[in-house]
Amino acid sequence: MNYRELTRRLNHLNCVLDRQARGSHEIWINLHTGARTTIPNWGNRDLKPGTVSNILRDLGIAKKDFEGK
């Protein structure tokens, strides 16, 4: 899964870009819970499955909810 696909799905789950972080990273926030996480903006490069899992855990999103979108 690449950055664009990940962020499109997160937007559907009421997560938004909060601010730009260092380098190619961004801080995203879950509007329902207030939880935050850092997401690498690598464009078309695929993110590792463990990275995606950690992002979902940090934002408090269940994997089944994420995969359903």
C-alpha atoms as a PDB file:
ATOM      1  CA  MET A   1       0.000   0.000   0.000  1.00  0.00           C
ATOM      2  CA  ASN A   2       1.393   3.398  -0.937  1.00  0.00           C
ATOM      3  CA  TYR A   3       0.988   6.787   0.756  1.00  0.00           C
ATOM      4  CA  ARG A   4      -1.811   7.982  -1.514  1.00  0.00           C
ATOM      5  CA  GLU A   5      -3.975   4.908  -0.982  1.00  0.00           C
ATOM      6  CA  LEU A   6      -3.370   4.965   2.782  1.00  0.00           C
ATOM      7  CA  THR A   7      -4.307   8.628   3.159  1.00  0.00           C
ATOM      8  CA  ARG A   8      -7.396   8.258   0.947  1.00  0.00           C
ATOM      9  CA  ARG A   9      -8.662   5.488   3.239  1.00  0.00           C
ATOM     10  CA  LEU A  10      -7.775   7.461   6.372  1.00  0.00           C
ATOM     11  CA  ASN A  11      -9.717  10.479   5.079  1.00  0.00           C
ATOM     12  CA  HIS A  12     -12.807   8.273   4.777  1.00  0.00           C
ATOM     13  CA  LEU A  13     -12.335   7.336   8.452  1.00  0.00           C
ATOM     14  CA  ASN A  14     -12.284  11.017   9.564  1.00  0.00           C
ATOM     15  CA  CYS A  15      -8.524  11.319   9.851  1.00  0.00           C
ATOM     16  CA  VAL A  16      -6.902  14.498   8.545  1.00  0.00           C
ATOM     17  CA  LEU A  17      -3.477  15.973   7.965  1.00  0.00           C
ATOM     18  CA  ASP A  18      -2.552  18.044  11.009  1.00  0.00           C
ATOM     19  CA  ARG A  19       0.822  19.423   9.920  1.00  0.00           C
ATOM     20  CA  GLN A  20       4.027  18.764   8.034  1.00  0.00           C
ATOM     21  CA  ALA A  21       6.783  17.173  10.095  1.00  0.00           C
ATOM     22  CA  ARG A  22      10.480  16.773   9.345  1.00  0.00           C
ATOM     23  CA  GLY A  23      11.511  15.742   5.858  1.00  0.00           C
ATOM     24  CA  SER A  24       8.921  13.658   4.051  1.00  0.00           C
ATOM     25  CA  HIS A  25       6.798  12.920   7.123  1.00  0.00           C
ATOM     26  CA  GLU A  26       3.395  14.261   8.111  1.00  0.00           C
ATOM     27  CA  ILE A  27       1.428  14.309  11.358  1.00  0.00           C
ATOM     28  CA  TRP A  28      -2.130  12.972  10.990  1.00  0.00           C
ATOM     29  CA  ILE A  29      -4.924  13.141  13.564  1.00  0.00           C
ATOM     30  CA  ASN A  30      -8.034  11.029  14.102  1.00  0.00           C
ATOM     31  CA  LEU A  31     -10.850  13.531  14.659  1.00  0.00           C
ATOM     32  CA  HIS A  32     -12.935  11.003  16.635  1.00  0.00           C
ATOM     33  CA  THR A  33     -10.293  10.111  19.203  1.00  0.00           C
ATOM     34  CA  GLY A  34      -7.737  12.914  18.974  1.00  0.00           C
ATOM     35  CA  ALA A  35      -4.998  10.317  18.446  1.00  0.00           C
ATOM     36  CA  ARG A  36      -2.007  11.333  16.330  1.00  0.00           C
ATOM     37  CA  THR A  37       0.593   9.522  14.279  1.00  0.00           C
ATOM     38  CA  THR A  38       3.428  10.195  11.856  1.00  0.00           C
ATOM     39  CA  ILE A  39       3.067   9.006   8.263  1.00  0.00           C
ATOM     40  CA  PRO A  40       5.940   8.963   5.760  1.00  0.00           C
ATOM     41  CA  ASN A  41       4.954  10.677   2.503  1.00  0.00           C
ATOM     42  CA  TRP A  42       6.796   8.517  -0.024  1.00  0.00           C
ATOM     43  CA  GLY A  43       4.415   9.054  -2.932  1.00  0.00           C
ATOM     44  CA  ASN A  44       4.176   5.877  -5.000  1.00  0.00           C
ATOM     45  CA  ARG A  45       6.641   3.839  -2.917  1.00  0.00           C
ATOM     46  CA  ASP A  46       4.973   1.069  -0.936  1.00  0.00           C
ATOM     47  CA  LEU A  47       4.877   1.308   2.848  1.00  0.00           C
ATOM     48  CA  LYS A  48       5.763  -1.822   4.781  1.00  0.00           C
ATOM     49  CA  PRO A  49       2.786  -3.734   6.238  1.00  0.00           C
ATOM     50  CA  GLY A  50       4.187  -3.236   9.752  1.00  0.00           C
ATOM     51  CA  THR A  51       4.314   0.522   9.215  1.00  0.00           C
ATOM     52  CA  VAL A  52       0.667   0.578   8.133  1.00  0.00           C
ATOM     53  CA  SER A  53      -0.297  -1.562  11.149  1.00  0.00           C
ATOM     54  CA  ASN A  54       1.519   0.815  13.513  1.00  0.00           C
ATOM     55  CA  ILE A  55      -0.212   3.821  11.947  1.00  0.00           C
ATOM     56  CA  LEU A  56      -3.618   2.204  12.433  1.00  0.00           C
ATOM     57  CA  ARG A  57      -2.779   1.271  16.029  1.00  0.00           C
ATOM     58  CA  ASP A  58      -1.603   4.805  16.808  1.00  0.00           C
ATOM     59  CA  LEU A  59      -4.807   6.286  15.365  1.00  0.00           C
ATOM     60  CA  GLY A  60      -7.047   3.762  17.144  1.00  0.00           C
ATOM     61  CA  ILE A  61      -8.494   2.308  13.934  1.00  0.00           C
ATOM     62  CA  ALA A  62      -9.447  -1.365  13.749  1.00  0.00           C
ATOM     63  CA  LYS A  63      -7.967  -3.215  10.804  1.00  0.00           C
ATOM     64  CA  LYS A  64     -11.419  -4.490   9.769  1.00  0.00           C
ATOM     65  CA  ASP A  65     -12.724  -0.906   9.605  1.00  0.00           C
ATOM     66  CA  PHE A  66      -9.710   0.162   7.552  1.00  0.00           C
ATOM     67  CA  GLU A  67      -9.994  -2.718   5.095  1.00  0.00           C
ATOM     68  CA  GLY A  68     -13.716  -2.143   4.659  1.00  0.00           C
ATOM     69  CA  LYS A  69     -13.178   1.311   3.143  1.00  0.00           C
END
